[in-house]
Amino acid sequence: MNGDPYRSAPQPADRRVINRSGAAATPQRAAEEPQPIREEAPRSTPRSSQIRRSDEYDDEKKSRKGLLWTIIIALLVIILAIVGWFAFTNAKSSTTGIDTGKYQAIFLSNGQVYFGKLSDFNEQSYKLTNIYYPQAQADSKDEDAEDTAASTGIKLIRLGDEVHGPENEMFITKEQTLYYENLKSDSKVSGLIDQNEKNK
């Protein structure tokens, strides 16, 4: 009956939460219950960062290749320069007829003869090194004679032992040169020069 004073008022809905143990828990206690931690999936590296790293690696690789090619080209240029220089020297020697492995005798327009290593210095002159010149032997007991070719009666004087002390090299103009000859390796003059050079 609506007018029944003893009739109870409608009860509020039970808001208790049943926990795992089966006991009822109040809403406040339920809120205090620790919630399971959700593990977040690892974030992948942004694609733009991966592309940037790949580009940097490619640039570094290209720079290393470029440096390697530069070194190789430089070495090739040096080798070609050396080979060209030797080829040019040999070609020049072949045109002049000078055998660089032997001694030469050079005859000048003033009647003087010199022995030594002859080379083509430039278009106007020759260069002579390891120079010796013959001198008639007046006395076979002359102590100033370095070496004597007894059969010919001459002695060889090494240039540089004179009073004025010149260096043992000479530049001779081609206009003063009558001709020059390559000496045999077993000639007496070549043997005397070799012996003197060893005993210096």
N, C-alpha and C. Protein backbone atom coordinates (compact mmCIF):
# COMPACT_ATOMS: atom_id res chain seq x y z
N MET A 1 0.85 -1.19 0.00
CA MET A 1 0.00 0.00 0.00
C MET A 1 0.87 1.22 0.00
N ASN A 2 0.36 2.19 -0.70
CA ASN A 2 1.16 3.40 -0.79
C ASN A 2 1.17 4.16 0.51
N GLY A 3 0.20 4.01 1.24
CA GLY A 3 0.15 4.79 2.47
C GLY A 3 0.72 4.07 3.66
N ASP A 4 1.34 2.91 3.42
CA ASP A 4 1.89 2.14 4.53
C ASP A 4 3.14 2.82 5.02
N PRO A 5 3.13 3.29 6.29
CA PRO A 5 4.31 4.00 6.79
C PRO A 5 5.46 3.08 7.07
N TYR A 6 5.15 1.81 7.18
CA TYR A 6 6.21 0.86 7.50
C TYR A 6 6.85 0.25 6.26
N ARG A 7 6.31 0.64 5.18
CA ARG A 7 6.90 0.07 3.93
C ARG A 7 8.26 0.71 3.69
N SER A 8 9.17 -0.13 3.50
CA SER A 8 10.56 0.39 3.32
C SER A 8 10.73 1.06 1.98
N ALA A 9 11.63 2.04 1.99
CA ALA A 9 11.94 2.75 0.72
C ALA A 9 12.79 1.85 -0.17
N PRO A 10 12.70 2.08 -1.42
CA PRO A 10 13.53 1.24 -2.34
C PRO A 10 15.01 1.35 -2.02
N GLN A 11 15.65 0.19 -1.94
CA GLN A 11 17.08 0.15 -1.60
C GLN A 11 17.92 0.47 -2.84
N PRO A 12 18.98 1.20 -2.61
CA PRO A 12 19.86 1.49 -3.77
C PRO A 12 20.55 0.23 -4.25
N ALA A 13 20.85 0.24 -5.50
CA ALA A 13 21.52 -0.95 -6.09
C ALA A 13 22.88 -1.16 -5.44
N ASP A 14 23.20 -2.41 -5.26
CA ASP A 14 24.48 -2.75 -4.63
C ASP A 14 25.60 -2.51 -5.64
N ARG A 15 26.44 -1.58 -5.28
CA ARG A 15 27.52 -1.20 -6.21
C ARG A 15 28.85 -1.82 -5.82
N ARG A 16 28.80 -2.79 -4.97
CA ARG A 16 30.05 -3.42 -4.58
C ARG A 16 30.58 -4.25 -5.74
N VAL A 17 31.90 -4.35 -5.76
CA VAL A 17 32.59 -5.09 -6.86
C VAL A 17 33.11 -6.38 -6.28
N ILE A 18 32.86 -7.45 -6.94
CA ILE A 18 33.34 -8.75 -6.50
C ILE A 18 34.80 -8.88 -6.94
N ASN A 19 35.70 -9.06 -5.99
CA ASN A 19 37.11 -9.24 -6.37
C ASN A 19 37.38 -10.69 -6.68
N ARG A 20 38.63 -11.03 -6.97
CA ARG A 20 38.97 -12.38 -7.42
C ARG A 20 38.74 -13.40 -6.32
N SER A 21 38.89 -13.01 -5.10
CA SER A 21 38.70 -13.98 -4.00
C SER A 21 37.24 -14.27 -3.73
N GLY A 22 36.36 -13.55 -4.44
CA GLY A 22 34.93 -13.78 -4.26
C GLY A 22 34.32 -12.86 -3.26
N ALA A 23 35.11 -12.10 -2.50
CA ALA A 23 34.57 -11.17 -1.50
C ALA A 23 34.17 -9.90 -2.18
N ALA A 24 33.15 -9.32 -1.65
CA ALA A 24 32.67 -8.08 -2.23
C ALA A 24 33.57 -6.96 -1.79
N ALA A 25 33.78 -6.05 -2.67
CA ALA A 25 34.64 -4.89 -2.37
C ALA A 25 33.88 -3.64 -2.70
N THR A 26 34.13 -2.67 -1.93
CA THR A 26 33.47 -1.39 -2.16
C THR A 26 34.08 -0.74 -3.38
N PRO A 27 33.33 0.18 -3.99
CA PRO A 27 33.89 0.86 -5.18
C PRO A 27 35.20 1.53 -4.89
N GLN A 28 35.38 2.10 -3.70
CA GLN A 28 36.62 2.79 -3.40
C GLN A 28 37.76 1.81 -3.34
N ARG A 29 37.52 0.62 -2.74
CA ARG A 29 38.56 -0.39 -2.64
C ARG A 29 38.91 -0.95 -4.01
N ALA A 30 37.88 -1.06 -4.81
CA ALA A 30 38.14 -1.57 -6.17
C ALA A 30 39.04 -0.62 -6.93
N ALA A 31 38.86 0.66 -6.68
CA ALA A 31 39.70 1.64 -7.39
C ALA A 31 41.13 1.54 -6.92
N GLU A 32 41.30 1.11 -5.61
CA GLU A 32 42.65 1.00 -5.08
C GLU A 32 43.36 -0.25 -5.52
N GLU A 33 42.64 -1.19 -6.08
CA GLU A 33 43.27 -2.43 -6.54
C GLU A 33 44.28 -2.10 -7.64
N PRO A 34 45.49 -2.67 -7.56
CA PRO A 34 46.49 -2.40 -8.63
C PRO A 34 46.01 -2.97 -9.95
N GLN A 35 46.12 -2.16 -10.92
CA GLN A 35 45.72 -2.55 -12.28
C GLN A 35 46.92 -3.20 -12.99
N PRO A 36 46.65 -4.18 -13.80
CA PRO A 36 47.77 -4.82 -14.55
C PRO A 36 48.44 -3.79 -15.48
N ILE A 37 49.79 -3.83 -15.49
CA ILE A 37 50.56 -2.89 -16.31
C ILE A 37 50.58 -3.38 -17.75
N ARG A 38 50.21 -2.51 -18.59
CA ARG A 38 50.23 -2.85 -20.02
C ARG A 38 51.59 -2.49 -20.62
N GLU A 39 52.23 -3.47 -21.18
CA GLU A 39 53.53 -3.24 -21.82
C GLU A 39 53.31 -2.66 -23.21
N GLU A 40 53.92 -1.50 -23.38
CA GLU A 40 53.78 -0.87 -24.69
C GLU A 40 54.76 -1.51 -25.67
N ALA A 41 54.30 -1.69 -26.84
CA ALA A 41 55.15 -2.25 -27.89
C ALA A 41 56.26 -1.25 -28.20
N PRO A 42 57.50 -1.75 -28.39
CA PRO A 42 58.61 -0.83 -28.69
C PRO A 42 58.32 -0.04 -29.96
N ARG A 43 58.61 1.23 -29.81
CA ARG A 43 58.37 2.08 -30.98
C ARG A 43 59.45 1.86 -32.03
N SER A 44 59.03 1.65 -33.18
CA SER A 44 59.99 1.44 -34.27
C SER A 44 60.62 2.77 -34.64
N THR A 45 61.90 2.68 -35.13
CA THR A 45 62.61 3.89 -35.54
C THR A 45 61.88 4.52 -36.71
N PRO A 46 61.71 5.80 -36.65
CA PRO A 46 61.02 6.45 -37.77
C PRO A 46 61.70 6.16 -39.09
N ARG A 47 60.91 6.00 -40.12
CA ARG A 47 61.45 5.64 -41.44
C ARG A 47 62.38 6.72 -41.98
N SER A 48 62.06 7.97 -41.67
CA SER A 48 62.91 9.06 -42.17
C SER A 48 64.31 8.96 -41.58
N SER A 49 64.44 8.53 -40.30
CA SER A 49 65.75 8.38 -39.66
C SER A 49 66.53 7.26 -40.31
N GLN A 50 65.85 6.16 -40.62
CA GLN A 50 66.52 5.04 -41.29
C GLN A 50 67.04 5.47 -42.67
N ILE A 51 66.24 6.22 -43.39
CA ILE A 51 66.67 6.68 -44.72
C ILE A 51 67.87 7.61 -44.60
N ARG A 52 67.88 8.45 -43.55
CA ARG A 52 68.99 9.38 -43.36
C ARG A 52 70.28 8.62 -43.09
N ARG A 53 70.21 7.61 -42.21
CA ARG A 53 71.41 6.81 -41.91
C ARG A 53 71.91 6.08 -43.15
N SER A 54 71.00 5.57 -43.94
CA SER A 54 71.39 4.87 -45.17
C SER A 54 72.08 5.82 -46.14
N ASP A 55 71.58 7.04 -46.24
CA ASP A 55 72.21 8.03 -47.13
C ASP A 55 73.60 8.40 -46.64
N GLU A 56 73.77 8.55 -45.31
CA GLU A 56 75.09 8.87 -44.77
C GLU A 56 76.08 7.75 -45.05
N TYR A 57 75.63 6.50 -44.92
CA TYR A 57 76.51 5.36 -45.19
C TYR A 57 76.92 5.33 -46.66
N ASP A 58 75.95 5.59 -47.54
CA ASP A 58 76.25 5.61 -48.98
C ASP A 58 77.24 6.73 -49.32
N ASP A 59 77.07 7.90 -48.71
CA ASP A 59 77.99 9.02 -48.96
C ASP A 59 79.40 8.68 -48.50
N GLU A 60 79.51 8.05 -47.32
CA GLU A 60 80.83 7.67 -46.81
C GLU A 60 81.49 6.64 -47.71
N LYS A 61 80.68 5.71 -48.19
CA LYS A 61 81.21 4.67 -49.07
C LYS A 61 81.70 5.27 -50.39
N LYS A 62 80.94 6.23 -50.92
CA LYS A 62 81.34 6.89 -52.17
C LYS A 62 82.61 7.70 -51.98
N SER A 63 82.75 8.38 -50.84
CA SER A 63 83.96 9.19 -50.60
C SER A 63 85.19 8.31 -50.49
N ARG A 64 85.05 7.14 -49.88
CA ARG A 64 86.18 6.21 -49.78
C ARG A 64 86.57 5.70 -51.16
N LYS A 65 85.58 5.38 -51.97
CA LYS A 65 85.88 4.93 -53.34
C LYS A 65 86.56 6.02 -54.14
N GLY A 66 86.09 7.25 -53.96
CA GLY A 66 86.69 8.38 -54.67
C GLY A 66 88.14 8.58 -54.27
N LEU A 67 88.44 8.47 -52.97
CA LEU A 67 89.81 8.62 -52.49
C LEU A 67 90.70 7.51 -53.03
N LEU A 68 90.18 6.29 -53.05
CA LEU A 68 90.95 5.15 -53.57
C LEU A 68 91.28 5.35 -55.05
N TRP A 69 90.30 5.78 -55.83
CA TRP A 69 90.54 6.02 -57.26
C TRP A 69 91.53 7.16 -57.47
N THR A 70 91.48 8.17 -56.64
CA THR A 70 92.43 9.28 -56.75
C THR A 70 93.86 8.80 -56.52
N ILE A 71 94.05 7.95 -55.50
CA ILE A 71 95.38 7.42 -55.21
C ILE A 71 95.87 6.55 -56.37
N ILE A 72 94.98 5.70 -56.91
CA ILE A 72 95.37 4.83 -58.01
C ILE A 72 95.77 5.64 -59.23
N ILE A 73 95.00 6.67 -59.56
CA ILE A 73 95.31 7.51 -60.72
C ILE A 73 96.63 8.24 -60.52
N ALA A 74 96.87 8.74 -59.29
CA ALA A 74 98.13 9.44 -59.01
C ALA A 74 99.33 8.51 -59.19
N LEU A 75 99.21 7.26 -58.69
CA LEU A 75 100.29 6.29 -58.85
C LEU A 75 100.53 5.97 -60.32
N LEU A 76 99.46 5.83 -61.09
CA LEU A 76 99.61 5.55 -62.52
C LEU A 76 100.31 6.70 -63.24
N VAL A 77 99.96 7.93 -62.88
CA VAL A 77 100.61 9.09 -63.51
C VAL A 77 102.10 9.11 -63.19
N ILE A 78 102.47 8.82 -61.92
CA ILE A 78 103.88 8.80 -61.53
C ILE A 78 104.63 7.70 -62.29
N ILE A 79 104.02 6.52 -62.38
CA ILE A 79 104.67 5.41 -63.09
C ILE A 79 104.86 5.74 -64.56
N LEU A 80 103.83 6.32 -65.17
CA LEU A 80 103.93 6.69 -66.59
C LEU A 80 104.99 7.77 -66.81
N ALA A 81 105.11 8.71 -65.86
CA ALA A 81 106.12 9.75 -65.97
C ALA A 81 107.53 9.16 -65.91
N ILE A 82 107.73 8.20 -64.98
CA ILE A 82 109.05 7.57 -64.86
C ILE A 82 109.39 6.77 -66.11
N VAL A 83 108.41 5.98 -66.58
CA VAL A 83 108.64 5.18 -67.80
C VAL A 83 108.92 6.09 -68.99
N GLY A 84 108.16 7.18 -69.10
CA GLY A 84 108.38 8.12 -70.20
C GLY A 84 109.74 8.77 -70.15
N TRP A 85 110.19 9.10 -68.92
CA TRP A 85 111.51 9.71 -68.78
C TRP A 85 112.61 8.76 -69.22
N PHE A 86 112.51 7.48 -68.79
CA PHE A 86 113.51 6.50 -69.20
C PHE A 86 113.46 6.27 -70.71
N ALA A 87 112.27 6.21 -71.25
CA ALA A 87 112.14 6.01 -72.70
C ALA A 87 112.75 7.18 -73.47
N PHE A 88 112.48 8.40 -72.97
CA PHE A 88 113.04 9.59 -73.62
C PHE A 88 114.57 9.60 -73.54
N THR A 89 115.10 9.22 -72.36
CA THR A 89 116.56 9.19 -72.20
C THR A 89 117.20 8.16 -73.12
N ASN A 90 116.59 6.98 -73.18
CA ASN A 90 117.14 5.94 -74.06
C ASN A 90 117.05 6.33 -75.52
N ALA A 91 115.93 6.96 -75.88
CA ALA A 91 115.77 7.39 -77.27
C ALA A 91 116.79 8.46 -77.62
N LYS A 92 117.05 9.36 -76.65
CA LYS A 92 118.03 10.42 -76.87
C LYS A 92 119.43 9.83 -77.02
N SER A 93 119.74 8.83 -76.19
CA SER A 93 121.05 8.18 -76.28
C SER A 93 121.21 7.44 -77.59
N SER A 94 120.12 6.84 -78.05
CA SER A 94 120.21 6.08 -79.31
C SER A 94 120.41 7.01 -80.50
N THR A 95 119.86 8.22 -80.42
CA THR A 95 120.05 9.16 -81.53
C THR A 95 121.46 9.75 -81.54
N THR A 96 122.07 9.91 -80.34
CA THR A 96 123.43 10.45 -80.28
C THR A 96 124.48 9.37 -80.48
N GLY A 97 124.11 8.10 -80.27
CA GLY A 97 125.08 7.01 -80.41
C GLY A 97 125.94 6.81 -79.18
N ILE A 98 125.65 7.51 -78.09
CA ILE A 98 126.44 7.37 -76.87
C ILE A 98 125.96 6.15 -76.09
N ASP A 99 126.87 5.23 -75.81
CA ASP A 99 126.56 4.05 -75.00
C ASP A 99 126.85 4.41 -73.54
N THR A 100 125.78 4.60 -72.74
CA THR A 100 125.95 5.05 -71.36
C THR A 100 126.61 4.00 -70.47
N GLY A 101 126.69 2.76 -70.93
CA GLY A 101 127.33 1.71 -70.14
C GLY A 101 128.83 1.63 -70.37
N LYS A 102 129.36 2.50 -71.21
CA LYS A 102 130.79 2.45 -71.52
C LYS A 102 131.41 3.84 -71.35
N TYR A 103 132.75 3.88 -71.43
CA TYR A 103 133.46 5.14 -71.45
C TYR A 103 133.57 5.63 -72.89
N GLN A 104 133.76 6.94 -73.03
CA GLN A 104 133.91 7.54 -74.35
C GLN A 104 135.23 8.31 -74.43
N ALA A 105 135.71 8.42 -75.65
CA ALA A 105 136.84 9.30 -75.95
C ALA A 105 136.29 10.42 -76.81
N ILE A 106 136.52 11.67 -76.38
CA ILE A 106 136.01 12.82 -77.12
C ILE A 106 137.20 13.65 -77.62
N PHE A 107 137.17 13.94 -78.89
CA PHE A 107 138.27 14.66 -79.55
C PHE A 107 137.80 16.07 -79.88
N LEU A 108 138.58 17.06 -79.40
CA LEU A 108 138.21 18.46 -79.57
C LEU A 108 138.98 19.10 -80.72
N SER A 109 138.47 20.23 -81.15
CA SER A 109 139.07 20.95 -82.28
C SER A 109 140.44 21.53 -81.95
N ASN A 110 140.77 21.67 -80.66
CA ASN A 110 142.08 22.19 -80.27
C ASN A 110 143.13 21.09 -80.14
N GLY A 111 142.77 19.84 -80.50
CA GLY A 111 143.72 18.73 -80.46
C GLY A 111 143.72 17.96 -79.15
N GLN A 112 142.96 18.41 -78.15
CA GLN A 112 142.92 17.74 -76.86
C GLN A 112 141.97 16.55 -76.91
N VAL A 113 142.32 15.49 -76.19
CA VAL A 113 141.48 14.29 -76.09
C VAL A 113 141.16 14.05 -74.62
N TYR A 114 139.91 13.73 -74.34
CA TYR A 114 139.49 13.41 -72.98
C TYR A 114 138.76 12.07 -72.99
N PHE A 115 138.91 11.34 -71.89
CA PHE A 115 138.20 10.07 -71.69
C PHE A 115 137.27 10.22 -70.49
N GLY A 116 136.12 9.58 -70.57
CA GLY A 116 135.20 9.61 -69.45
C GLY A 116 133.80 9.20 -69.86
N LYS A 117 132.85 9.54 -69.02
CA LYS A 117 131.43 9.23 -69.29
C LYS A 117 130.80 10.45 -69.95
N LEU A 118 130.39 10.27 -71.20
CA LEU A 118 129.84 11.38 -71.97
C LEU A 118 128.31 11.27 -72.01
N SER A 119 127.65 12.41 -71.91
CA SER A 119 126.19 12.46 -72.03
C SER A 119 125.79 13.74 -72.74
N ASP A 120 124.61 13.72 -73.33
CA ASP A 120 124.09 14.88 -74.05
C ASP A 120 123.44 15.81 -73.04
N PHE A 121 124.07 16.96 -72.77
CA PHE A 121 123.58 17.87 -71.74
C PHE A 121 122.40 18.71 -72.25
N ASN A 122 122.59 19.38 -73.37
CA ASN A 122 121.51 20.14 -74.01
C ASN A 122 121.82 20.27 -75.50
N GLU A 123 121.12 21.13 -76.19
CA GLU A 123 121.29 21.24 -77.63
C GLU A 123 122.65 21.82 -78.01
N GLN A 124 123.28 22.54 -77.09
CA GLN A 124 124.54 23.20 -77.41
C GLN A 124 125.78 22.49 -76.87
N SER A 125 125.61 21.61 -75.87
CA SER A 125 126.82 21.07 -75.23
C SER A 125 126.64 19.63 -74.74
N TYR A 126 127.80 19.00 -74.50
CA TYR A 126 127.88 17.68 -73.89
C TYR A 126 128.36 17.84 -72.45
N LYS A 127 128.12 16.81 -71.65
CA LYS A 127 128.65 16.76 -70.30
C LYS A 127 129.55 15.54 -70.17
N LEU A 128 130.75 15.75 -69.63
CA LEU A 128 131.71 14.66 -69.47
C LEU A 128 132.06 14.54 -67.99
N THR A 129 131.98 13.32 -67.44
CA THR A 129 132.33 13.05 -66.04
C THR A 129 133.33 11.91 -66.00
N ASN A 130 133.90 11.65 -64.78
CA ASN A 130 134.96 10.63 -64.62
C ASN A 130 136.06 10.88 -65.65
N ILE A 131 136.55 12.10 -65.67
CA ILE A 131 137.40 12.56 -66.77
C ILE A 131 138.87 12.22 -66.53
N TYR A 132 139.50 11.69 -67.60
CA TYR A 132 140.95 11.47 -67.64
C TYR A 132 141.45 11.99 -68.97
N TYR A 133 142.69 12.43 -68.97
CA TYR A 133 143.29 12.85 -70.23
C TYR A 133 144.71 12.27 -70.32
N PRO A 134 145.13 11.93 -71.52
CA PRO A 134 146.45 11.31 -71.68
C PRO A 134 147.56 12.37 -71.67
N GLN A 135 148.70 11.92 -71.21
CA GLN A 135 149.87 12.79 -71.23
C GLN A 135 151.07 11.94 -71.59
N ALA A 136 151.87 12.48 -72.52
CA ALA A 136 153.05 11.73 -72.95
C ALA A 136 153.98 11.49 -71.76
N GLN A 137 154.49 10.27 -71.68
CA GLN A 137 155.32 9.89 -70.55
C GLN A 137 156.78 10.22 -70.85
N ALA A 138 157.28 11.26 -70.19
CA ALA A 138 158.68 11.64 -70.38
C ALA A 138 159.59 10.74 -69.57
N ASP A 139 159.16 10.37 -68.39
CA ASP A 139 159.97 9.51 -67.51
C ASP A 139 159.07 8.46 -66.90
N SER A 140 159.35 7.20 -67.14
CA SER A 140 158.50 6.11 -66.64
C SER A 140 158.52 6.02 -65.12
N LYS A 141 159.49 6.69 -64.46
CA LYS A 141 159.58 6.67 -63.01
C LYS A 141 158.90 7.88 -62.38
N ASP A 142 158.16 8.64 -63.19
CA ASP A 142 157.50 9.84 -62.68
C ASP A 142 156.48 9.45 -61.62
N GLU A 143 156.61 9.96 -60.40
CA GLU A 143 155.72 9.59 -59.30
C GLU A 143 154.35 10.25 -59.44
N ASP A 144 154.22 11.29 -60.26
CA ASP A 144 152.94 11.97 -60.40
C ASP A 144 151.99 11.22 -61.32
N ALA A 145 152.49 10.25 -62.04
CA ALA A 145 151.64 9.49 -62.95
C ALA A 145 150.78 8.54 -62.13
N GLU A 146 149.47 8.61 -62.34
CA GLU A 146 148.56 7.74 -61.59
C GLU A 146 148.62 6.32 -62.14
N ASP A 147 148.53 6.18 -63.45
CA ASP A 147 148.59 4.86 -64.08
C ASP A 147 149.30 5.03 -65.41
N THR A 148 149.99 3.99 -65.84
CA THR A 148 150.77 4.06 -67.07
C THR A 148 150.41 2.90 -67.97
N ALA A 149 150.19 3.23 -69.25
CA ALA A 149 150.03 2.19 -70.27
C ALA A 149 151.41 2.00 -70.89
N ALA A 150 152.13 1.02 -70.40
CA ALA A 150 153.54 0.86 -70.76
C ALA A 150 153.74 0.64 -72.25
N SER A 151 152.81 -0.06 -72.86
CA SER A 151 152.96 -0.37 -74.28
C SER A 151 152.84 0.86 -75.16
N THR A 152 152.11 1.88 -74.70
CA THR A 152 151.93 3.09 -75.51
C THR A 152 152.79 4.25 -75.04
N GLY A 153 153.38 4.14 -73.88
CA GLY A 153 154.23 5.20 -73.37
C GLY A 153 153.48 6.44 -72.96
N ILE A 154 152.21 6.31 -72.47
CA ILE A 154 151.43 7.44 -72.02
C ILE A 154 150.95 7.18 -70.59
N LYS A 155 150.57 8.23 -69.93
CA LYS A 155 149.97 8.11 -68.61
C LYS A 155 148.64 8.85 -68.61
N LEU A 156 147.74 8.40 -67.78
CA LEU A 156 146.41 9.02 -67.67
C LEU A 156 146.38 9.90 -66.43
N ILE A 157 145.98 11.15 -66.61
CA ILE A 157 145.86 12.10 -65.51
C ILE A 157 144.38 12.33 -65.23
N ARG A 158 144.03 12.20 -63.98
CA ARG A 158 142.62 12.41 -63.61
C ARG A 158 142.36 13.90 -63.43
N LEU A 159 141.31 14.39 -64.09
CA LEU A 159 140.94 15.80 -63.96
C LEU A 159 140.46 16.07 -62.55
N GLY A 160 140.99 17.15 -61.96
CA GLY A 160 140.64 17.51 -60.60
C GLY A 160 141.85 17.54 -59.70
N ASP A 161 142.95 16.93 -60.15
CA ASP A 161 144.17 16.91 -59.35
C ASP A 161 145.10 18.07 -59.70
N GLU A 162 144.67 18.95 -60.59
CA GLU A 162 145.50 20.08 -60.99
C GLU A 162 145.58 21.12 -59.88
N VAL A 163 146.44 22.11 -60.09
CA VAL A 163 146.67 23.13 -59.07
C VAL A 163 145.41 23.92 -58.79
N HIS A 164 144.65 24.25 -59.83
CA HIS A 164 143.45 25.08 -59.62
C HIS A 164 142.26 24.26 -59.10
N GLY A 165 142.41 22.94 -59.01
CA GLY A 165 141.41 22.08 -58.37
C GLY A 165 140.02 22.10 -59.00
N PRO A 166 139.89 21.80 -60.27
CA PRO A 166 138.55 21.77 -60.88
C PRO A 166 137.77 20.53 -60.45
N GLU A 167 136.48 20.60 -60.56
CA GLU A 167 135.65 19.42 -60.31
C GLU A 167 135.81 18.45 -61.47
N ASN A 168 135.49 17.18 -61.19
CA ASN A 168 135.70 16.15 -62.20
C ASN A 168 134.49 16.05 -63.13
N GLU A 169 134.16 17.16 -63.75
CA GLU A 169 133.13 17.20 -64.78
C GLU A 169 133.41 18.37 -65.71
N MET A 170 132.97 18.22 -66.94
CA MET A 170 133.29 19.23 -67.94
C MET A 170 132.12 19.37 -68.90
N PHE A 171 131.83 20.60 -69.29
CA PHE A 171 130.80 20.87 -70.28
C PHE A 171 131.49 21.35 -71.56
N ILE A 172 131.30 20.59 -72.59
CA ILE A 172 132.01 20.85 -73.85
C ILE A 172 130.99 21.25 -74.91
N THR A 173 131.23 22.37 -75.55
CA THR A 173 130.30 22.80 -76.61
C THR A 173 130.43 21.87 -77.81
N LYS A 174 129.34 21.65 -78.46
CA LYS A 174 129.32 20.75 -79.62
C LYS A 174 130.11 21.35 -80.78
N GLU A 175 130.24 22.66 -80.81
CA GLU A 175 131.01 23.29 -81.88
C GLU A 175 132.49 22.96 -81.75
N GLN A 176 132.97 22.73 -80.52
CA GLN A 176 134.37 22.40 -80.30
C GLN A 176 134.66 20.92 -80.49
N THR A 177 133.62 20.11 -80.63
CA THR A 177 133.78 18.66 -80.70
C THR A 177 133.97 18.21 -82.15
N LEU A 178 135.08 17.51 -82.40
CA LEU A 178 135.28 16.92 -83.73
C LEU A 178 134.49 15.62 -83.83
N TYR A 179 134.69 14.73 -82.88
CA TYR A 179 133.94 13.47 -82.83
C TYR A 179 134.19 12.81 -81.48
N TYR A 180 133.42 11.76 -81.20
CA TYR A 180 133.61 10.98 -79.98
C TYR A 180 133.43 9.51 -80.31
N GLU A 181 134.00 8.67 -79.46
CA GLU A 181 133.96 7.22 -79.68
C GLU A 181 133.58 6.51 -78.39
N ASN A 182 132.84 5.41 -78.52
CA ASN A 182 132.59 4.54 -77.38
C ASN A 182 133.78 3.58 -77.24
N LEU A 183 134.34 3.50 -76.03
CA LEU A 183 135.48 2.61 -75.79
C LEU A 183 134.99 1.22 -75.42
N LYS A 184 135.72 0.22 -75.85
CA LYS A 184 135.38 -1.15 -75.48
C LYS A 184 135.56 -1.33 -73.97
N SER A 185 134.75 -2.22 -73.43
CA SER A 185 134.82 -2.46 -71.98
C SER A 185 136.16 -3.07 -71.58
N ASP A 186 136.80 -3.81 -72.49
CA ASP A 186 138.07 -4.45 -72.16
C ASP A 186 139.27 -3.69 -72.71
N SER A 187 139.05 -2.44 -73.13
CA SER A 187 140.19 -1.64 -73.61
C SER A 187 141.10 -1.27 -72.46
N LYS A 188 142.36 -0.94 -72.77
CA LYS A 188 143.33 -0.60 -71.72
C LYS A 188 142.92 0.68 -70.99
N VAL A 189 142.41 1.66 -71.75
CA VAL A 189 142.01 2.92 -71.13
C VAL A 189 140.84 2.68 -70.17
N SER A 190 139.84 1.91 -70.59
CA SER A 190 138.70 1.61 -69.72
C SER A 190 139.13 0.89 -68.46
N GLY A 191 140.08 -0.07 -68.61
CA GLY A 191 140.59 -0.80 -67.45
C GLY A 191 141.32 0.11 -66.48
N LEU A 192 142.13 1.04 -67.01
CA LEU A 192 142.86 1.96 -66.14
C LEU A 192 141.91 2.91 -65.40
N ILE A 193 140.87 3.39 -66.11
CA ILE A 193 139.92 4.29 -65.47
C ILE A 193 139.18 3.56 -64.35
N ASP A 194 138.72 2.33 -64.62
CA ASP A 194 138.02 1.55 -63.59
C ASP A 194 138.90 1.33 -62.39
N GLN A 195 140.18 1.03 -62.64
CA GLN A 195 141.10 0.78 -61.53
C GLN A 195 141.30 2.05 -60.71
N ASN A 196 141.47 3.17 -61.38
CA ASN A 196 141.64 4.44 -60.67
C ASN A 196 140.41 4.81 -59.84
N GLU A 197 139.21 4.59 -60.41
CA GLU A 197 137.97 4.93 -59.71
C GLU A 197 137.79 4.09 -58.46
N LYS A 198 138.25 2.84 -58.52
CA LYS A 198 138.15 1.98 -57.34
C LYS A 198 139.14 2.37 -56.25
N ASN A 199 140.28 2.91 -56.66
CA ASN A 199 141.35 3.24 -55.71
C ASN A 199 141.25 4.66 -55.20
N LYS A 200 140.20 5.39 -55.58
CA LYS A 200 140.08 6.78 -55.14
C LYS A 200 139.93 6.88 -53.62
